[in-house]
Amino acid sequence: MRLSTRASRVATLSCGGSARWSGSASAGADDEAGEHAAQMLADTLLEDEWQSPSALTSRASVLELTSARFSALARGASERLGPPEAGAPPSPQPPPPPPATATLHRTPGAGWWSARYGLHYGKALALLSHAAALLWVLDRLTTNVWPRQSFGTIPTLAGVLGGGTGSDRIGSLKPGPWTVKLYDLLARVSGRFLTASLNTLMWTMMHTTHFALAESALVRRRLVDFAQDTPGWRLALHRANGYASGALVLFHVYSILLPCVFNGYSAVVTAGRFAWPLSERRTEGKDVDNAAKLMGLQGDDVWRLAEMSLIFFAFFPWSLRLLRANYRVGIELHRWLFVAYFVDILRRHSHPHNWVLNAPVFLLLCADVVVGKFWRCREVIAHRLILSP
């Protein structure tokens, strides 16, 4: 019974294979088809002996014989049929590839504005952050409508701080050689830019807030498109501001040494008194003394030189490498370094604008992280199924 069944299957393969090969016009295709049919025939003939190690030699012999036999049958059928008739329709050809200059169709919502999706959020956020930083820096160099000394006019704040909040020089740069003027210019520009970029760094990492905004009425009414490459735009903006902040904060703390390097000034470190919020206040001297060719530093200046050098020359590059190698460890190190950087900026009595502009955004970032850990969390009920004892 088994032998007759096998013989019928072999006959089916032989007849079906001959019928299929009869229209072939290529010897290479015939050989390939013959080998495929031989493979099927060998599997059929040796299906009962497949588990036996001694069947490997038999299977190879059958495969070789049947492959040669079927290939010969296919070539004979092709020779008998001859070339295709003149009036036969040609075989269909694949469509040609599009030319290199083909028109590219833009993705809906990829521009600045789309009637279907609304305003591109990523591009709008980049434009807004850059414009805010530029205007904030230009204000310090020109009008300075909100100087630091205005905070000292608040009696309660002055009492808590144990003094004023420093003062902004209005008008021209500090007198002295070009290095002194560059030191003053770098302090003004970097201080204002770091205030604006700090908010951009925190806002771009508020993932929970952006998830909520992507489901808000702004999207339902097609006013703002939060889905069009928004994470990519936010990450690119975060990186750009991060690298720029690292470079400018180093210029900010090291620029006081420029006259010492290029004009032969001497650096003198004078200890002051510490007051709220953990900031050192100058008790004598000043930062620039052109007559004595002295640059006056405090203990806090030396500390910030060492701290910012370690953070931006060592630990931040290390955290970026860890983000690629071990993301869980790298992101935790990256976050704590940012907290240390933020606290160092906020604790200075000479940074009152950061208290008003950056502290609320930092609290919003903390709330975003806390809510993100519990928002839309559901209990996962798992059942253990034992598949085998």
Protein backbone atom coordinates (compact mmCIF):
# COMPACT_ATOMS: atom_id res chain seq x y z
CA MET A 1 0.00 0.00 0.00
CA ARG A 2 2.82 2.37 0.90
CA LEU A 3 4.70 1.59 -2.31
CA SER A 4 1.68 2.15 -4.53
CA THR A 5 0.91 5.48 -2.89
CA ARG A 6 4.49 6.58 -3.39
CA ALA A 7 4.45 5.50 -7.02
CA SER A 8 1.29 7.49 -7.68
CA ARG A 9 2.86 10.62 -6.17
CA VAL A 10 5.99 10.14 -8.30
CA ALA A 11 3.83 9.76 -11.41
CA THR A 12 1.96 12.96 -10.52
CA LEU A 13 5.22 14.85 -10.13
CA SER A 14 6.54 13.51 -13.47
CA CYS A 15 3.39 14.36 -15.43
CA GLY A 16 2.90 17.75 -13.78
CA GLY A 17 6.55 18.61 -14.22
CA SER A 18 6.53 17.68 -17.91
CA ALA A 19 3.43 19.80 -18.50
CA ARG A 20 4.96 22.81 -16.81
CA TRP A 21 8.28 22.50 -18.60
CA SER A 22 6.76 22.17 -22.02
CA GLY A 23 6.55 25.93 -22.44
CA SER A 24 10.11 26.63 -21.32
CA ALA A 25 12.46 28.37 -23.75
CA SER A 26 15.61 28.64 -21.60
CA ALA A 27 17.99 25.79 -20.86
CA GLY A 28 19.07 27.43 -17.62
CA ALA A 29 15.48 27.70 -16.45
CA ASP A 30 14.93 24.08 -17.46
CA ASP A 31 17.87 22.93 -15.39
CA GLU A 32 16.65 24.91 -12.37
CA ALA A 33 13.12 23.56 -12.73
CA GLY A 34 14.48 20.03 -13.14
CA GLU A 35 16.53 20.30 -10.00
CA HIS A 36 13.51 21.58 -8.06
CA ALA A 37 11.33 18.70 -9.26
CA ALA A 38 14.11 16.23 -8.54
CA GLN A 39 14.33 17.58 -5.01
CA MET A 40 10.59 17.01 -4.52
CA LEU A 41 10.84 13.52 -6.04
CA ALA A 42 13.79 12.54 -3.84
CA ASP A 43 11.90 13.71 -0.75
CA THR A 44 8.93 11.60 -1.82
CA LEU A 45 10.96 8.47 -2.50
CA LEU A 46 12.93 8.65 0.74
CA GLU A 47 10.39 10.09 3.15
CA ASP A 48 10.23 6.85 5.11
CA GLU A 49 14.01 6.51 5.38
CA TRP A 50 14.75 10.22 6.15
CA GLN A 51 15.47 9.63 9.79
CA SER A 52 18.05 6.92 8.98
CA PRO A 53 21.72 8.02 8.72
CA SER A 54 22.32 5.56 5.91
CA ALA A 55 19.62 7.27 3.85
CA LEU A 56 21.84 10.27 3.14
CA THR A 57 23.84 8.43 0.46
CA SER A 58 20.70 6.99 -1.11
CA ARG A 59 19.03 10.40 -1.10
CA ALA A 60 22.02 11.97 -2.83
CA SER A 61 22.09 9.28 -5.51
CA VAL A 62 18.38 9.59 -6.19
CA LEU A 63 18.66 13.39 -6.26
CA GLU A 64 21.48 13.25 -8.83
CA LEU A 65 19.69 10.76 -11.09
CA THR A 66 16.30 12.41 -10.99
CA SER A 67 17.79 15.88 -11.51
CA ALA A 68 19.59 14.74 -14.66
CA ARG A 69 16.49 12.90 -15.91
CA PHE A 70 14.09 15.79 -15.45
CA SER A 71 16.55 18.30 -16.95
CA ALA A 72 16.86 16.10 -20.06
CA LEU A 73 13.09 15.85 -20.35
CA ALA A 74 12.74 19.60 -20.06
CA ARG A 75 15.38 20.32 -22.72
CA GLY A 76 13.73 17.80 -25.07
CA ALA A 77 10.36 19.47 -24.61
CA SER A 78 11.88 22.89 -25.32
CA GLU A 79 13.51 21.63 -28.54
CA ARG A 80 10.25 20.10 -29.78
CA LEU A 81 8.27 23.28 -29.13
CA GLY A 82 10.79 25.62 -30.74
CA PRO A 83 10.78 29.43 -30.40
CA PRO A 84 7.54 31.28 -29.62
CA GLU A 85 5.25 32.20 -32.53
CA ALA A 86 5.63 35.56 -34.23
CA GLY A 87 2.15 36.73 -33.34
CA ALA A 88 2.39 35.72 -29.67
CA PRO A 89 2.21 38.63 -27.24
CA PRO A 90 5.54 39.48 -25.59
CA SER A 91 6.02 38.61 -21.96
CA PRO A 92 5.34 41.53 -19.61
CA GLN A 93 8.36 43.54 -18.54
CA PRO A 94 8.80 45.25 -15.15
CA PRO A 95 8.13 49.00 -15.17
CA PRO A 96 11.24 51.17 -15.56
CA PRO A 97 12.54 52.91 -12.42
CA PRO A 98 11.52 56.54 -11.95
CA PRO A 99 14.00 59.13 -13.24
CA ALA A 100 16.40 60.74 -10.78
CA THR A 101 14.68 64.10 -11.26
CA ALA A 102 11.20 62.81 -10.40
CA THR A 103 9.01 65.17 -8.41
CA LEU A 104 9.08 64.43 -4.69
CA HIS A 105 5.72 64.62 -2.99
CA ARG A 106 5.91 66.39 0.35
CA THR A 107 4.52 64.74 3.41
CA PRO A 108 1.35 66.51 4.62
CA GLY A 109 2.23 68.75 7.52
CA ALA A 110 5.98 68.77 6.80
CA GLY A 111 6.01 72.51 6.02
CA TRP A 112 5.48 75.37 8.40
CA TRP A 113 1.71 75.23 8.02
CA SER A 114 -0.72 72.67 6.68
CA ALA A 115 -4.45 73.19 6.31
CA ARG A 116 -4.94 69.57 7.30
CA TYR A 117 -2.62 69.37 10.30
CA GLY A 118 -1.90 72.95 11.40
CA LEU A 119 1.35 74.57 12.51
CA HIS A 120 4.50 72.41 12.52
CA TYR A 121 5.33 72.30 16.23
CA GLY A 122 9.00 71.33 15.90
CA LYS A 123 9.88 74.16 13.53
CA ALA A 124 7.81 76.67 15.50
CA LEU A 125 9.52 75.67 18.75
CA ALA A 126 12.98 76.06 17.21
CA LEU A 127 12.12 79.49 15.82
CA LEU A 128 10.59 80.65 19.09
CA SER A 129 13.52 79.51 21.24
CA HIS A 130 16.13 81.07 18.93
CA ALA A 131 14.19 84.32 18.71
CA ALA A 132 13.74 84.52 22.50
CA ALA A 133 17.45 83.92 23.11
CA LEU A 134 18.46 86.52 20.50
CA LEU A 135 16.11 89.20 21.86
CA TRP A 136 17.19 88.49 25.43
CA VAL A 137 20.86 88.94 24.51
CA LEU A 138 20.20 92.07 22.44
CA ASP A 139 18.30 93.60 25.35
CA ARG A 140 21.38 93.25 27.57
CA LEU A 141 23.58 94.90 24.97
CA THR A 142 21.20 97.78 24.19
CA THR A 143 18.17 98.78 26.25
CA ASN A 144 18.50 96.51 29.33
CA VAL A 145 14.91 97.15 30.41
CA TRP A 146 15.22 94.74 33.36
CA PRO A 147 18.62 95.26 35.02
CA ARG A 148 19.80 93.26 38.01
CA GLN A 149 19.84 96.26 40.33
CA SER A 150 16.05 96.51 40.00
CA PHE A 151 15.77 93.44 42.26
CA GLY A 152 17.65 95.28 45.01
CA THR A 153 14.84 97.83 45.26
CA ILE A 154 12.58 95.17 46.82
CA PRO A 155 13.18 95.54 50.59
CA THR A 156 12.07 92.03 51.51
CA LEU A 157 14.29 90.41 48.90
CA ALA A 158 17.27 92.53 49.87
CA GLY A 159 16.77 91.59 53.51
CA VAL A 160 16.59 87.87 52.79
CA LEU A 161 19.66 87.96 50.56
CA GLY A 162 21.66 90.02 53.01
CA GLY A 163 22.44 92.61 50.38
CA GLY A 164 21.79 93.44 46.76
CA THR A 165 21.84 91.27 43.67
CA GLY A 166 24.69 92.93 41.85
CA SER A 167 24.35 95.55 39.16
CA ASP A 168 24.51 95.72 35.39
CA ARG A 169 26.80 98.21 33.72
CA ILE A 170 24.71 100.30 31.36
CA GLY A 171 26.21 101.61 28.14
CA SER A 172 29.82 101.04 27.12
CA LEU A 173 31.98 98.10 28.07
CA LYS A 174 34.41 98.19 30.97
CA PRO A 175 37.50 100.36 30.44
CA GLY A 176 40.82 98.68 29.82
CA PRO A 177 42.56 96.70 27.11
CA TRP A 178 40.70 94.57 24.59
CA THR A 179 40.80 91.50 26.84
CA VAL A 180 38.96 93.37 29.59
CA LYS A 181 36.32 94.51 27.12
CA LEU A 182 36.03 90.97 25.75
CA TYR A 183 35.65 89.65 29.28
CA ASP A 184 32.78 92.08 29.91
CA LEU A 185 31.14 91.28 26.54
CA LEU A 186 31.36 87.52 27.07
CA ALA A 187 29.89 87.85 30.55
CA ARG A 188 26.89 89.79 29.21
CA VAL A 189 26.19 87.61 26.20
CA SER A 190 26.78 84.22 27.85
CA GLY A 191 24.78 85.14 30.96
CA ARG A 192 21.70 86.07 28.97
CA PHE A 193 21.99 83.16 26.53
CA LEU A 194 22.38 80.60 29.32
CA THR A 195 19.18 81.89 30.93
CA ALA A 196 17.20 81.38 27.71
CA SER A 197 18.82 78.07 26.74
CA LEU A 198 18.21 76.61 30.19
CA ASN A 199 14.45 76.81 29.64
CA THR A 200 14.82 75.26 26.18
CA LEU A 201 16.83 72.36 27.59
CA MET A 202 14.15 71.63 30.19
CA TRP A 203 11.12 72.15 27.94
CA THR A 204 12.37 69.83 25.21
CA MET A 205 12.70 66.97 27.73
CA MET A 206 9.15 67.27 29.15
CA HIS A 207 7.90 64.10 27.46
CA THR A 208 4.70 63.72 29.49
CA THR A 209 3.69 67.30 28.78
CA HIS A 210 4.19 66.79 25.05
CA PHE A 211 2.20 63.54 25.10
CA ALA A 212 -0.67 65.44 26.71
CA LEU A 213 -0.38 68.30 24.21
CA ALA A 214 -0.47 65.82 21.31
CA GLU A 215 -3.96 64.80 22.45
CA SER A 216 -5.23 68.28 23.32
CA ALA A 217 -7.73 70.54 21.57
CA LEU A 218 -4.86 72.13 19.63
CA VAL A 219 -4.57 68.92 17.62
CA ARG A 220 -8.28 68.15 17.42
CA ARG A 221 -8.94 71.60 15.98
CA ARG A 222 -5.98 71.23 13.60
CA LEU A 223 -4.13 74.23 14.97
CA VAL A 224 -0.78 72.62 15.88
CA ASP A 225 0.78 69.46 14.47
CA PHE A 226 2.61 67.69 17.30
CA ALA A 227 3.07 64.40 15.44
CA GLN A 228 5.13 65.50 12.42
CA ASP A 229 8.70 64.54 13.47
CA THR A 230 8.26 66.35 16.79
CA PRO A 231 10.56 64.09 18.87
CA GLY A 232 13.30 64.51 16.29
CA TRP A 233 12.99 68.28 16.29
CA ARG A 234 12.95 68.44 20.10
CA LEU A 235 16.03 66.23 20.39
CA ALA A 236 17.92 68.25 17.78
CA LEU A 237 17.01 71.48 19.58
CA HIS A 238 18.06 69.98 22.92
CA ARG A 239 21.43 68.93 21.54
CA ALA A 240 22.11 72.29 19.88
CA ASN A 241 21.34 74.22 23.06
CA GLY A 242 23.28 71.75 25.17
CA TYR A 243 26.48 72.08 23.16
CA ALA A 244 26.11 75.87 22.93
CA SER A 245 25.48 76.13 26.69
CA GLY A 246 28.55 74.02 27.47
CA ALA A 247 30.78 76.21 25.31
CA LEU A 248 29.41 79.52 26.59
CA VAL A 249 29.46 78.59 30.28
CA LEU A 250 33.16 77.77 29.93
CA PHE A 251 33.73 81.15 28.25
CA HIS A 252 31.72 82.70 31.08
CA VAL A 253 33.91 81.37 33.88
CA TYR A 254 37.28 81.46 32.08
CA SER A 255 36.99 84.90 30.47
CA ILE A 256 38.13 86.60 33.68
CA LEU A 257 41.59 85.13 33.05
CA LEU A 258 41.95 86.62 29.55
CA PRO A 259 43.82 89.77 30.73
CA CYS A 260 46.16 87.52 32.71
CA VAL A 261 47.02 85.48 29.62
CA PHE A 262 47.35 88.22 26.99
CA ASN A 263 48.07 91.48 28.89
CA GLY A 264 50.20 90.42 31.82
CA TYR A 265 47.58 91.02 34.52
CA SER A 266 47.86 89.19 37.82
CA ALA A 267 45.04 87.15 39.37
CA VAL A 268 44.34 87.67 43.05
CA VAL A 269 41.92 85.45 45.01
CA THR A 270 40.16 87.20 47.89
CA ALA A 271 37.75 85.37 50.17
CA GLY A 272 34.39 87.02 50.79
CA ARG A 273 31.38 86.24 52.95
CA PHE A 274 28.70 83.72 52.14
CA ALA A 275 25.06 84.69 52.27
CA TRP A 276 21.71 83.37 51.08
CA PRO A 277 21.33 81.45 48.78
CA LEU A 278 24.82 79.99 49.35
CA SER A 279 26.63 82.64 47.35
CA GLU A 280 29.86 84.47 48.11
CA ARG A 281 29.75 88.25 48.29
CA ARG A 282 32.70 90.52 47.65
CA THR A 283 33.91 92.40 50.72
CA GLU A 284 36.88 94.27 49.24
CA GLY A 285 38.40 95.10 45.89
CA LYS A 286 36.77 94.63 42.49
CA ASP A 287 36.99 92.27 39.57
CA VAL A 288 39.12 94.56 37.34
CA ASP A 289 41.83 96.95 38.55
CA ASN A 290 43.52 98.45 35.49
CA ALA A 291 45.84 100.70 37.50
CA ALA A 292 47.37 97.79 39.41
CA LYS A 293 46.80 95.35 36.51
CA LEU A 294 44.92 92.96 38.76
CA MET A 295 41.97 90.64 38.16
CA GLY A 296 40.12 90.00 41.41
CA LEU A 297 38.71 86.50 41.91
CA GLN A 298 36.83 85.05 44.84
CA GLY A 299 36.73 81.56 46.24
CA ASP A 300 33.43 81.00 44.44
CA ASP A 301 35.08 81.87 41.12
CA VAL A 302 37.78 79.25 41.69
CA TRP A 303 35.13 76.70 42.65
CA ARG A 304 33.12 77.38 39.49
CA LEU A 305 36.25 77.07 37.35
CA ALA A 306 36.93 73.61 38.75
CA GLU A 307 33.26 72.52 38.79
CA MET A 308 32.39 73.55 35.25
CA SER A 309 35.62 72.13 33.90
CA LEU A 310 34.87 68.73 35.44
CA ILE A 311 31.25 68.76 34.29
CA PHE A 312 31.76 69.82 30.68
CA PHE A 313 35.20 68.38 29.98
CA ALA A 314 34.79 65.03 31.73
CA PHE A 315 31.37 64.03 33.04
CA PHE A 316 29.07 65.29 30.30
CA PRO A 317 31.08 63.63 27.49
CA TRP A 318 31.14 60.46 29.60
CA SER A 319 27.36 60.56 29.99
CA LEU A 320 26.94 60.96 26.22
CA ARG A 321 29.05 57.87 25.61
CA LEU A 322 27.06 55.96 28.21
CA LEU A 323 23.81 56.95 26.51
CA ARG A 324 24.94 54.90 23.50
CA ALA A 325 26.48 52.02 25.45
CA ASN A 326 24.19 51.74 28.50
CA TYR A 327 21.21 54.07 28.25
CA ARG A 328 19.82 53.47 31.75
CA VAL A 329 23.06 54.45 33.44
CA GLY A 330 23.87 57.22 30.98
CA ILE A 331 20.52 59.00 31.28
CA GLU A 332 20.68 58.99 35.09
CA LEU A 333 24.19 60.48 35.05
CA HIS A 334 23.11 63.02 32.44
CA ARG A 335 20.13 64.11 34.54
CA TRP A 336 22.09 64.52 37.77
CA LEU A 337 24.78 66.52 36.00
CA PHE A 338 22.08 68.83 34.69
CA VAL A 339 20.70 69.24 38.23
CA ALA A 340 24.17 70.15 39.51
CA TYR A 341 24.57 72.66 36.67
CA PHE A 342 21.15 74.16 37.34
CA VAL A 343 21.70 74.47 41.10
CA ASP A 344 25.05 76.20 40.56
CA ILE A 345 23.36 78.82 38.38
CA LEU A 346 20.40 79.30 40.69
CA ARG A 347 22.35 79.67 43.95
CA ARG A 348 24.25 82.80 42.87
CA HIS A 349 22.98 86.09 44.29
CA SER A 350 24.10 87.76 41.06
CA HIS A 351 21.65 85.67 38.98
CA PRO A 352 18.24 87.05 39.97
CA HIS A 353 16.78 86.62 36.49
CA ASN A 354 17.26 82.85 36.78
CA TRP A 355 15.13 82.78 39.93
CA VAL A 356 12.20 84.28 38.06
CA LEU A 357 12.61 82.74 34.60
CA ASN A 358 14.19 79.32 35.20
CA ALA A 359 13.03 78.15 38.63
CA PRO A 360 9.32 77.79 37.62
CA VAL A 361 10.28 75.80 34.52
CA PHE A 362 12.44 73.49 36.64
CA LEU A 363 9.48 72.84 38.95
CA LEU A 364 7.35 72.08 35.88
CA LEU A 365 10.01 69.62 34.71
CA CYS A 366 9.96 67.85 38.09
CA ALA A 367 6.17 67.64 37.95
CA ASP A 368 6.39 66.27 34.40
CA VAL A 369 8.72 63.48 35.54
CA VAL A 370 6.57 62.58 38.57
CA VAL A 371 3.30 62.57 36.61
CA GLY A 372 4.92 60.56 33.84
CA LYS A 373 5.65 57.72 36.28
CA PHE A 374 1.98 57.31 37.20
CA TRP A 375 0.01 58.67 34.23
CA ARG A 376 -1.96 55.98 32.42
CA CYS A 377 -0.35 53.22 34.41
CA ARG A 378 -2.39 50.03 34.62
CA GLU A 379 -1.92 46.95 36.74
CA VAL A 380 -0.61 44.08 34.65
CA ILE A 381 -2.27 40.78 35.57
CA ALA A 382 -0.04 37.89 34.56
CA HIS A 383 -1.00 34.21 34.57
CA ARG A 384 1.66 31.55 34.80
CA LEU A 385 1.10 28.62 32.47
CA ILE A 386 3.23 25.53 32.99
CA LEU A 387 3.94 23.99 29.61
CA SER A 388 5.77 20.91 30.85
CA PRO A 389 6.44 19.35 34.27
